[in-house]
Amino acid sequence: TDNINGPTGLLIGAGKGVIRTMYCKGNSYADYLPVDVFINGI
């Protein structure tokens, strides 16, 4: 990737120990799509 948008930034923030709390429904889900899959789709 070339950015920290979305889950990547979240994992980096949590992994650095900076993000320690989030207001979130843990049992809900978002819809993600790997960029190579979408390019194939195009």
ModelCIF file with pLDDT and N, C-alpha, C, O atoms, coordinates in Angstrom:
data_MODEL
#
_entry.id   MODEL 
#
_entity.id                         1 
_entity.type                       polymer 
_entity.pdbx_number_of_molecules   1 
#
_entity_poly.entity_id                      1 
_entity_poly.type                           'polypeptide(L)' 
_entity_poly.nstd_linkage                   no 
_entity_poly.nstd_monomer                   no 
_entity_poly.pdbx_seq_one_letter_code       TDNINGPTGLLIGAGKGVIRTMYCKGNSYADYLPVDVFINGI 
_entity_poly.pdbx_seq_one_letter_code_can   TDNINGPTGLLIGAGKGVIRTMYCKGNSYADYLPVDVFINGI 
_entity_poly.pdbx_strand_id                 A 
#
loop_
_entity_poly_seq.entity_id 
_entity_poly_seq.num 
_entity_poly_seq.mon_id 
_entity_poly_seq.hetero 
1 1  THR n 
1 2  ASP n 
1 3  ASN n 
1 4  ILE n 
1 5  ASN n 
1 6  GLY n 
1 7  PRO n 
1 8  THR n 
1 9  GLY n 
1 10 LEU n 
1 11 LEU n 
1 12 ILE n 
1 13 GLY n 
1 14 ALA n 
1 15 GLY n 
1 16 LYS n 
1 17 GLY n 
1 18 VAL n 
1 19 ILE n 
1 20 ARG n 
1 21 THR n 
1 22 MET n 
1 23 TYR n 
1 24 CYS n 
1 25 LYS n 
1 26 GLY n 
1 27 ASN n 
1 28 SER n 
1 29 TYR n 
1 30 ALA n 
1 31 ASP n 
1 32 TYR n 
1 33 LEU n 
1 34 PRO n 
1 35 VAL n 
1 36 ASP n 
1 37 VAL n 
1 38 PHE n 
1 39 ILE n 
1 40 ASN n 
1 41 GLY n 
1 42 ILE n 
#
_struct_asym.id          A 
_struct_asym.entity_id   1 
#
loop_
_ma_qa_metric.id 
_ma_qa_metric.mode 
_ma_qa_metric.name 
_ma_qa_metric.software_group_id 
_ma_qa_metric.type 
1 global pLDDT . pLDDT 
2 local  pLDDT . pLDDT 
#
_ma_qa_metric_global.metric_id      1 
_ma_qa_metric_global.metric_value   86.21 
_ma_qa_metric_global.model_id       1 
_ma_qa_metric_global.ordinal_id     1 
#
loop_
_ma_qa_metric_local.label_asym_id 
_ma_qa_metric_local.label_comp_id 
_ma_qa_metric_local.label_seq_id 
_ma_qa_metric_local.metric_id 
_ma_qa_metric_local.metric_value 
_ma_qa_metric_local.model_id 
_ma_qa_metric_local.ordinal_id 
A THR 1  2 93.00 1 1  
A ASP 2  2 90.00 1 2  
A ASN 3  2 85.00 1 3  
A ILE 4  2 81.00 1 4  
A ASN 5  2 78.00 1 5  
A GLY 6  2 75.00 1 6  
A PRO 7  2 78.00 1 7  
A THR 8  2 81.00 1 8  
A GLY 9  2 82.00 1 9  
A LEU 10 2 82.00 1 10 
A LEU 11 2 83.00 1 11 
A ILE 12 2 86.00 1 12 
A GLY 13 2 85.00 1 13 
A ALA 14 2 84.00 1 14 
A GLY 15 2 86.00 1 15 
A LYS 16 2 86.00 1 16 
A GLY 17 2 85.00 1 17 
A VAL 18 2 84.00 1 18 
A ILE 19 2 85.00 1 19 
A ARG 20 2 84.00 1 20 
A THR 21 2 84.00 1 21 
A MET 22 2 85.00 1 22 
A TYR 23 2 85.00 1 23 
A CYS 24 2 83.00 1 24 
A LYS 25 2 81.00 1 25 
A GLY 26 2 76.00 1 26 
A ASN 27 2 80.00 1 27 
A SER 28 2 81.00 1 28 
A TYR 29 2 82.00 1 29 
A ALA 30 2 81.00 1 30 
A ASP 31 2 87.00 1 31 
A TYR 32 2 89.00 1 32 
A LEU 33 2 93.00 1 33 
A PRO 34 2 94.00 1 34 
A VAL 35 2 95.00 1 35 
A ASP 36 2 96.00 1 36 
A VAL 37 2 96.00 1 37 
A PHE 38 2 96.00 1 38 
A ILE 39 2 97.00 1 39 
A ASN 40 2 96.00 1 40 
A GLY 41 2 95.00 1 41 
A ILE 42 2 96.00 1 42 
#
loop_
_atom_site.group_PDB 
_atom_site.id 
_atom_site.type_symbol 
_atom_site.label_atom_id 
_atom_site.label_alt_id 
_atom_site.label_comp_id 
_atom_site.label_asym_id 
_atom_site.label_entity_id 
_atom_site.label_seq_id 
_atom_site.pdbx_PDB_ins_code 
_atom_site.Cartn_x 
_atom_site.Cartn_y 
_atom_site.Cartn_z 
_atom_site.occupancy 
_atom_site.B_iso_or_equiv 
_atom_site.pdbx_formal_charge 
_atom_site.auth_seq_id 
_atom_site.auth_comp_id 
_atom_site.auth_asym_id 
_atom_site.auth_atom_id 
_atom_site.pdbx_PDB_model_num 
ATOM 1   N N  . THR A 1 1  ? 0.854   -1.173 0.000   1.00 93.00 ? 1  THR A N  1 
ATOM 2   C CA . THR A 1 1  ? 0.000   0.000  0.000   1.00 93.00 ? 1  THR A CA 1 
ATOM 3   C C  . THR A 1 1  ? 0.892   1.227  0.000   1.00 93.00 ? 1  THR A C  1 
ATOM 4   O O  . THR A 1 1  ? 2.088   1.128  0.275   1.00 93.00 ? 1  THR A O  1 
ATOM 5   N N  . ASP A 1 2  ? 0.318   2.382  -0.307  1.00 90.00 ? 2  ASP A N  1 
ATOM 6   C CA . ASP A 1 2  ? 1.099   3.613  -0.268  1.00 90.00 ? 2  ASP A CA 1 
ATOM 7   C C  . ASP A 1 2  ? 0.482   4.638  0.678   1.00 90.00 ? 2  ASP A C  1 
ATOM 8   O O  . ASP A 1 2  ? 0.830   5.818  0.627   1.00 90.00 ? 2  ASP A O  1 
ATOM 9   N N  . ASN A 1 3  ? -0.437  4.191  1.545   1.00 85.00 ? 3  ASN A N  1 
ATOM 10  C CA . ASN A 1 3  ? -1.092  5.127  2.462   1.00 85.00 ? 3  ASN A CA 1 
ATOM 11  C C  . ASN A 1 3  ? -1.491  4.401  3.739   1.00 85.00 ? 3  ASN A C  1 
ATOM 12  O O  . ASN A 1 3  ? -1.392  3.177  3.828   1.00 85.00 ? 3  ASN A O  1 
ATOM 13  N N  . ILE A 1 4  ? -1.941  5.167  4.723   1.00 81.00 ? 4  ILE A N  1 
ATOM 14  C CA . ILE A 1 4  ? -2.366  4.571  5.995   1.00 81.00 ? 4  ILE A CA 1 
ATOM 15  C C  . ILE A 1 4  ? -3.859  4.799  6.216   1.00 81.00 ? 4  ILE A C  1 
ATOM 16  O O  . ILE A 1 4  ? -4.317  4.891  7.355   1.00 81.00 ? 4  ILE A O  1 
ATOM 17  N N  . ASN A 1 5  ? -4.610  4.888  5.127   1.00 78.00 ? 5  ASN A N  1 
ATOM 18  C CA . ASN A 1 5  ? -6.053  5.020  5.256   1.00 78.00 ? 5  ASN A CA 1 
ATOM 19  C C  . ASN A 1 5  ? -6.666  3.692  5.681   1.00 78.00 ? 5  ASN A C  1 
ATOM 20  O O  . ASN A 1 5  ? -6.101  2.626  5.436   1.00 78.00 ? 5  ASN A O  1 
ATOM 21  N N  . GLY A 1 6  ? -7.830  3.770  6.322   1.00 75.00 ? 6  GLY A N  1 
ATOM 22  C CA . GLY A 1 6  ? -8.588  2.571  6.651   1.00 75.00 ? 6  GLY A CA 1 
ATOM 23  C C  . GLY A 1 6  ? -7.911  1.679  7.674   1.00 75.00 ? 6  GLY A C  1 
ATOM 24  O O  . GLY A 1 6  ? -7.259  2.169  8.596   1.00 75.00 ? 6  GLY A O  1 
ATOM 25  N N  . PRO A 1 7  ? -8.066  0.352  7.514   1.00 78.00 ? 7  PRO A N  1 
ATOM 26  C CA . PRO A 1 7  ? -7.561  -0.602 8.506   1.00 78.00 ? 7  PRO A CA 1 
ATOM 27  C C  . PRO A 1 7  ? -6.056  -0.543 8.714   1.00 78.00 ? 7  PRO A C  1 
ATOM 28  O O  . PRO A 1 7  ? -5.574  -0.809 9.815   1.00 78.00 ? 7  PRO A O  1 
ATOM 29  N N  . THR A 1 8  ? -5.301  -0.194 7.660   1.00 81.00 ? 8  THR A N  1 
ATOM 30  C CA . THR A 1 8  ? -3.843  -0.132 7.803   1.00 81.00 ? 8  THR A CA 1 
ATOM 31  C C  . THR A 1 8  ? -3.443  0.882  8.860   1.00 81.00 ? 8  THR A C  1 
ATOM 32  O O  . THR A 1 8  ? -2.619  0.587  9.726   1.00 81.00 ? 8  THR A O  1 
ATOM 33  N N  . GLY A 1 9  ? -4.022  2.071  8.796   1.00 82.00 ? 9  GLY A N  1 
ATOM 34  C CA . GLY A 1 9  ? -3.721  3.097  9.798   1.00 82.00 ? 9  GLY A CA 1 
ATOM 35  C C  . GLY A 1 9  ? -4.145  2.688  11.185  1.00 82.00 ? 9  GLY A C  1 
ATOM 36  O O  . GLY A 1 9  ? -3.465  2.985  12.167  1.00 82.00 ? 9  GLY A O  1 
ATOM 37  N N  . LEU A 1 10 ? -5.282  1.999  11.265  1.00 82.00 ? 10 LEU A N  1 
ATOM 38  C CA . LEU A 1 10 ? -5.772  1.525  12.561  1.00 82.00 ? 10 LEU A CA 1 
ATOM 39  C C  . LEU A 1 10 ? -4.805  0.507  13.168  1.00 82.00 ? 10 LEU A C  1 
ATOM 40  O O  . LEU A 1 10 ? -4.494  0.576  14.357  1.00 82.00 ? 10 LEU A O  1 
ATOM 41  N N  . LEU A 1 11 ? -4.331  -0.435 12.352  1.00 83.00 ? 11 LEU A N  1 
ATOM 42  C CA . LEU A 1 11 ? -3.406  -1.449 12.845  1.00 83.00 ? 11 LEU A CA 1 
ATOM 43  C C  . LEU A 1 11 ? -2.064  -0.835 13.239  1.00 83.00 ? 11 LEU A C  1 
ATOM 44  O O  . LEU A 1 11 ? -1.457  -1.248 14.228  1.00 83.00 ? 11 LEU A O  1 
ATOM 45  N N  . ILE A 1 12 ? -1.600  0.149  12.471  1.00 86.00 ? 12 ILE A N  1 
ATOM 46  C CA . ILE A 1 12 ? -0.340  0.806  12.821  1.00 86.00 ? 12 ILE A CA 1 
ATOM 47  C C  . ILE A 1 12 ? -0.488  1.570  14.130  1.00 86.00 ? 12 ILE A C  1 
ATOM 48  O O  . ILE A 1 12 ? 0.370   1.478  15.007  1.00 86.00 ? 12 ILE A O  1 
ATOM 49  N N  . GLY A 1 13 ? -1.589  2.332  14.264  1.00 85.00 ? 13 GLY A N  1 
ATOM 50  C CA . GLY A 1 13 ? -1.820  3.095  15.490  1.00 85.00 ? 13 GLY A CA 1 
ATOM 51  C C  . GLY A 1 13 ? -1.916  2.207  16.710  1.00 85.00 ? 13 GLY A C  1 
ATOM 52  O O  . GLY A 1 13 ? -1.347  2.510  17.758  1.00 85.00 ? 13 GLY A O  1 
ATOM 53  N N  . ALA A 1 14 ? -2.646  1.097  16.567  1.00 84.00 ? 14 ALA A N  1 
ATOM 54  C CA . ALA A 1 14 ? -2.765  0.162  17.690  1.00 84.00 ? 14 ALA A CA 1 
ATOM 55  C C  . ALA A 1 14 ? -1.434  -0.535 17.946  1.00 84.00 ? 14 ALA A C  1 
ATOM 56  O O  . ALA A 1 14 ? -1.054  -0.757 19.096  1.00 84.00 ? 14 ALA A O  1 
ATOM 57  N N  . GLY A 1 15 ? -0.726  -0.880 16.864  1.00 86.00 ? 15 GLY A N  1 
ATOM 58  C CA . GLY A 1 15 ? 0.552   -1.579 17.010  1.00 86.00 ? 15 GLY A CA 1 
ATOM 59  C C  . GLY A 1 15 ? 1.629   -0.730 17.643  1.00 86.00 ? 15 GLY A C  1 
ATOM 60  O O  . GLY A 1 15 ? 2.530   -1.259 18.295  1.00 86.00 ? 15 GLY A O  1 
ATOM 61  N N  . LYS A 1 16 ? 1.555   0.580  17.463  1.00 86.00 ? 16 LYS A N  1 
ATOM 62  C CA . LYS A 1 16 ? 2.505   1.493  18.098  1.00 86.00 ? 16 LYS A CA 1 
ATOM 63  C C  . LYS A 1 16 ? 2.127   1.781  19.555  1.00 86.00 ? 16 LYS A C  1 
ATOM 64  O O  . LYS A 1 16 ? 2.873   2.438  20.281  1.00 86.00 ? 16 LYS A O  1 
ATOM 65  N N  . GLY A 1 17 ? 0.952   1.279  19.972  1.00 85.00 ? 17 GLY A N  1 
ATOM 66  C CA . GLY A 1 17 ? 0.512   1.522  21.347  1.00 85.00 ? 17 GLY A CA 1 
ATOM 67  C C  . GLY A 1 17 ? -0.115  2.879  21.540  1.00 85.00 ? 17 GLY A C  1 
ATOM 68  O O  . GLY A 1 17 ? -0.323  3.310  22.674  1.00 85.00 ? 17 GLY A O  1 
ATOM 69  N N  . VAL A 1 18 ? -0.429  3.581  20.420  1.00 84.00 ? 18 VAL A N  1 
ATOM 70  C CA . VAL A 1 18 ? -0.998  4.923  20.514  1.00 84.00 ? 18 VAL A CA 1 
ATOM 71  C C  . VAL A 1 18 ? -2.519  4.866  20.638  1.00 84.00 ? 18 VAL A C  1 
ATOM 72  O O  . VAL A 1 18 ? -3.106  5.593  21.438  1.00 84.00 ? 18 VAL A O  1 
ATOM 73  N N  . ILE A 1 19 ? -3.153  4.005  19.848  1.00 85.00 ? 19 ILE A N  1 
ATOM 74  C CA . ILE A 1 19 ? -4.610  3.843  19.907  1.00 85.00 ? 19 ILE A CA 1 
ATOM 75  C C  . ILE A 1 19 ? -4.935  2.713  20.883  1.00 85.00 ? 19 ILE A C  1 
ATOM 76  O O  . ILE A 1 19 ? -4.539  1.567  20.672  1.00 85.00 ? 19 ILE A O  1 
ATOM 77  N N  . ARG A 1 20 ? -5.666  3.052  21.965  1.00 84.00 ? 20 ARG A N  1 
ATOM 78  C CA . ARG A 1 20 ? -5.967  2.057  22.985  1.00 84.00 ? 20 ARG A CA 1 
ATOM 79  C C  . ARG A 1 20 ? -7.455  1.945  23.285  1.00 84.00 ? 20 ARG A C  1 
ATOM 80  O O  . ARG A 1 20 ? -7.872  1.122  24.100  1.00 84.00 ? 20 ARG A O  1 
ATOM 81  N N  . THR A 1 21 ? -8.244  2.767  22.632  1.00 84.00 ? 21 THR A N  1 
ATOM 82  C CA . THR A 1 21 ? -9.686  2.664  22.801  1.00 84.00 ? 21 THR A CA 1 
ATOM 83  C C  . THR A 1 21 ? -10.382 3.164  21.547  1.00 84.00 ? 21 THR A C  1 
ATOM 84  O O  . THR A 1 21 ? -9.926  4.112  20.906  1.00 84.00 ? 21 THR A O  1 
ATOM 85  N N  . MET A 1 22 ? -11.505 2.511  21.197  1.00 85.00 ? 22 MET A N  1 
ATOM 86  C CA . MET A 1 22 ? -12.315 2.926  20.055  1.00 85.00 ? 22 MET A CA 1 
ATOM 87  C C  . MET A 1 22 ? -13.782 2.765  20.426  1.00 85.00 ? 22 MET A C  1 
ATOM 88  O O  . MET A 1 22 ? -14.168 1.818  21.110  1.00 85.00 ? 22 MET A O  1 
ATOM 89  N N  . TYR A 1 23 ? -14.588 3.707  19.961  1.00 85.00 ? 23 TYR A N  1 
ATOM 90  C CA . TYR A 1 23 ? -16.027 3.569  20.104  1.00 85.00 ? 23 TYR A CA 1 
ATOM 91  C C  . TYR A 1 23 ? -16.538 2.841  18.871  1.00 85.00 ? 23 TYR A C  1 
ATOM 92  O O  . TYR A 1 23 ? -16.576 3.406  17.778  1.00 85.00 ? 23 TYR A O  1 
ATOM 93  N N  . CYS A 1 24 ? -16.934 1.577  19.052  1.00 83.00 ? 24 CYS A N  1 
ATOM 94  C CA . CYS A 1 24 ? -17.227 0.743  17.891  1.00 83.00 ? 24 CYS A CA 1 
ATOM 95  C C  . CYS A 1 24 ? -18.047 -0.470 18.312  1.00 83.00 ? 24 CYS A C  1 
ATOM 96  O O  . CYS A 1 24 ? -17.830 -1.033 19.386  1.00 83.00 ? 24 CYS A O  1 
ATOM 97  N N  . LYS A 1 25 ? -18.977 -0.864 17.473  1.00 81.00 ? 25 LYS A N  1 
ATOM 98  C CA . LYS A 1 25 ? -19.696 -2.116 17.665  1.00 81.00 ? 25 LYS A CA 1 
ATOM 99  C C  . LYS A 1 25 ? -18.814 -3.246 17.148  1.00 81.00 ? 25 LYS A C  1 
ATOM 100 O O  . LYS A 1 25 ? -18.700 -3.461 15.941  1.00 81.00 ? 25 LYS A O  1 
ATOM 101 N N  . GLY A 1 26 ? -18.199 -3.955 18.068  1.00 76.00 ? 26 GLY A N  1 
ATOM 102 C CA . GLY A 1 26 ? -17.201 -4.942 17.695  1.00 76.00 ? 26 GLY A CA 1 
ATOM 103 C C  . GLY A 1 26 ? -17.729 -6.089 16.866  1.00 76.00 ? 26 GLY A C  1 
ATOM 104 O O  . GLY A 1 26 ? -16.972 -6.705 16.116  1.00 76.00 ? 26 GLY A O  1 
ATOM 105 N N  . ASN A 1 27 ? -19.042 -6.399 16.984  1.00 80.00 ? 27 ASN A N  1 
ATOM 106 C CA . ASN A 1 27 ? -19.591 -7.521 16.236  1.00 80.00 ? 27 ASN A CA 1 
ATOM 107 C C  . ASN A 1 27 ? -20.097 -7.119 14.855  1.00 80.00 ? 27 ASN A C  1 
ATOM 108 O O  . ASN A 1 27 ? -20.567 -7.971 14.101  1.00 80.00 ? 27 ASN A O  1 
ATOM 109 N N  . SER A 1 28 ? -20.009 -5.829 14.510  1.00 81.00 ? 28 SER A N  1 
ATOM 110 C CA . SER A 1 28 ? -20.396 -5.397 13.165  1.00 81.00 ? 28 SER A CA 1 
ATOM 111 C C  . SER A 1 28 ? -19.190 -5.534 12.238  1.00 81.00 ? 28 SER A C  1 
ATOM 112 O O  . SER A 1 28 ? -18.066 -5.754 12.688  1.00 81.00 ? 28 SER A O  1 
ATOM 113 N N  . TYR A 1 29 ? -19.440 -5.403 10.959  1.00 82.00 ? 29 TYR A N  1 
ATOM 114 C CA . TYR A 1 29 ? -18.358 -5.584 9.991   1.00 82.00 ? 29 TYR A CA 1 
ATOM 115 C C  . TYR A 1 29 ? -18.448 -4.512 8.910   1.00 82.00 ? 29 TYR A C  1 
ATOM 116 O O  . TYR A 1 29 ? -19.522 -3.987 8.613   1.00 82.00 ? 29 TYR A O  1 
ATOM 117 N N  . ALA A 1 30 ? -17.315 -4.209 8.344   1.00 81.00 ? 30 ALA A N  1 
ATOM 118 C CA . ALA A 1 30 ? -17.261 -3.338 7.171   1.00 81.00 ? 30 ALA A CA 1 
ATOM 119 C C  . ALA A 1 30 ? -16.974 -4.211 5.955   1.00 81.00 ? 30 ALA A C  1 
ATOM 120 O O  . ALA A 1 30 ? -16.589 -5.373 6.086   1.00 81.00 ? 30 ALA A O  1 
ATOM 121 N N  . ASP A 1 31 ? -17.163 -3.649 4.802   1.00 87.00 ? 31 ASP A N  1 
ATOM 122 C CA . ASP A 1 31 ? -16.908 -4.389 3.564   1.00 87.00 ? 31 ASP A CA 1 
ATOM 123 C C  . ASP A 1 31 ? -15.588 -3.908 2.970   1.00 87.00 ? 31 ASP A C  1 
ATOM 124 O O  . ASP A 1 31 ? -15.450 -2.744 2.595   1.00 87.00 ? 31 ASP A O  1 
ATOM 125 N N  . TYR A 1 32 ? -14.624 -4.819 2.892   1.00 89.00 ? 32 TYR A N  1 
ATOM 126 C CA . TYR A 1 32 ? -13.292 -4.490 2.392   1.00 89.00 ? 32 TYR A CA 1 
ATOM 127 C C  . TYR A 1 32 ? -13.031 -5.190 1.069   1.00 89.00 ? 32 TYR A C  1 
ATOM 128 O O  . TYR A 1 32 ? -13.580 -6.259 0.803   1.00 89.00 ? 32 TYR A O  1 
ATOM 129 N N  . LEU A 1 33 ? -12.186 -4.579 0.241   1.00 93.00 ? 33 LEU A N  1 
ATOM 130 C CA . LEU A 1 33 ? -11.845 -5.160 -1.049  1.00 93.00 ? 33 LEU A CA 1 
ATOM 131 C C  . LEU A 1 33 ? -10.369 -4.909 -1.339  1.00 93.00 ? 33 LEU A C  1 
ATOM 132 O O  . LEU A 1 33 ? -9.971  -3.758 -1.518  1.00 93.00 ? 33 LEU A O  1 
ATOM 133 N N  . PRO A 1 34 ? -9.545  -5.960 -1.389  1.00 94.00 ? 34 PRO A N  1 
ATOM 134 C CA . PRO A 1 34 ? -8.137  -5.760 -1.752  1.00 94.00 ? 34 PRO A CA 1 
ATOM 135 C C  . PRO A 1 34 ? -8.030  -5.080 -3.112  1.00 94.00 ? 34 PRO A C  1 
ATOM 136 O O  . PRO A 1 34 ? -8.788  -5.385 -4.032  1.00 94.00 ? 34 PRO A O  1 
ATOM 137 N N  . VAL A 1 35 ? -7.093  -4.167 -3.226  1.00 95.00 ? 35 VAL A N  1 
ATOM 138 C CA . VAL A 1 35 ? -7.009  -3.333 -4.422  1.00 95.00 ? 35 VAL A CA 1 
ATOM 139 C C  . VAL A 1 35 ? -6.738  -4.159 -5.670  1.00 95.00 ? 35 VAL A C  1 
ATOM 140 O O  . VAL A 1 35 ? -7.248  -3.827 -6.740  1.00 95.00 ? 35 VAL A O  1 
ATOM 141 N N  . ASP A 1 36 ? -5.944  -5.235 -5.565  1.00 96.00 ? 36 ASP A N  1 
ATOM 142 C CA . ASP A 1 36 ? -5.674  -6.054 -6.751  1.00 96.00 ? 36 ASP A CA 1 
ATOM 143 C C  . ASP A 1 36 ? -6.937  -6.763 -7.230  1.00 96.00 ? 36 ASP A C  1 
ATOM 144 O O  . ASP A 1 36 ? -7.114  -6.973 -8.430  1.00 96.00 ? 36 ASP A O  1 
ATOM 145 N N  . VAL A 1 37 ? -7.817  -7.131 -6.297  1.00 96.00 ? 37 VAL A N  1 
ATOM 146 C CA . VAL A 1 37 ? -9.079  -7.753 -6.679  1.00 96.00 ? 37 VAL A CA 1 
ATOM 147 C C  . VAL A 1 37 ? -9.942  -6.763 -7.451  1.00 96.00 ? 37 VAL A C  1 
ATOM 148 O O  . VAL A 1 37 ? -10.571 -7.125 -8.445  1.00 96.00 ? 37 VAL A O  1 
ATOM 149 N N  . PHE A 1 38 ? -9.970  -5.508 -6.990  1.00 96.00 ? 38 PHE A N  1 
ATOM 150 C CA . PHE A 1 38 ? -10.785 -4.522 -7.697  1.00 96.00 ? 38 PHE A CA 1 
ATOM 151 C C  . PHE A 1 38 ? -10.214 -4.202 -9.071  1.00 96.00 ? 38 PHE A C  1 
ATOM 152 O O  . PHE A 1 38 ? -10.972 -4.047 -10.028 1.00 96.00 ? 38 PHE A O  1 
ATOM 153 N N  . ILE A 1 39 ? -8.894  -4.100 -9.190  1.00 97.00 ? 39 ILE A N  1 
ATOM 154 C CA . ILE A 1 39 ? -8.286  -3.831 -10.499 1.00 97.00 ? 39 ILE A CA 1 
ATOM 155 C C  . ILE A 1 39 ? -8.599  -4.970 -11.458 1.00 97.00 ? 39 ILE A C  1 
ATOM 156 O O  . ILE A 1 39 ? -8.889  -4.734 -12.631 1.00 97.00 ? 39 ILE A O  1 
ATOM 157 N N  . ASN A 1 40 ? -8.544  -6.204 -10.964 1.00 96.00 ? 40 ASN A N  1 
ATOM 158 C CA . ASN A 1 40 ? -8.962  -7.329 -11.792 1.00 96.00 ? 40 ASN A CA 1 
ATOM 159 C C  . ASN A 1 40 ? -10.414 -7.153 -12.227 1.00 96.00 ? 40 ASN A C  1 
ATOM 160 O O  . ASN A 1 40 ? -10.778 -7.449 -13.365 1.00 96.00 ? 40 ASN A O  1 
ATOM 161 N N  . GLY A 1 41 ? -11.240 -6.663 -11.294 1.00 95.00 ? 41 GLY A N  1 
ATOM 162 C CA . GLY A 1 41 ? -12.641 -6.433 -11.605 1.00 95.00 ? 41 GLY A CA 1 
ATOM 163 C C  . GLY A 1 41 ? -12.831 -5.396 -12.698 1.00 95.00 ? 41 GLY A C  1 
ATOM 164 O O  . GLY A 1 41 ? -13.699 -5.557 -13.556 1.00 95.00 ? 41 GLY A O  1 
ATOM 165 N N  . ILE A 1 42 ? -12.029 -4.328 -12.680 1.00 96.00 ? 42 ILE A N  1 
ATOM 166 C CA . ILE A 1 42 ? -12.107 -3.317 -13.741 1.00 96.00 ? 42 ILE A CA 1 
ATOM 167 C C  . ILE A 1 42 ? -11.858 -3.962 -15.097 1.00 96.00 ? 42 ILE A C  1 
ATOM 168 O O  . ILE A 1 42 ? -11.881 -3.277 -16.120 1.00 96.00 ? 42 ILE A O  1 
#
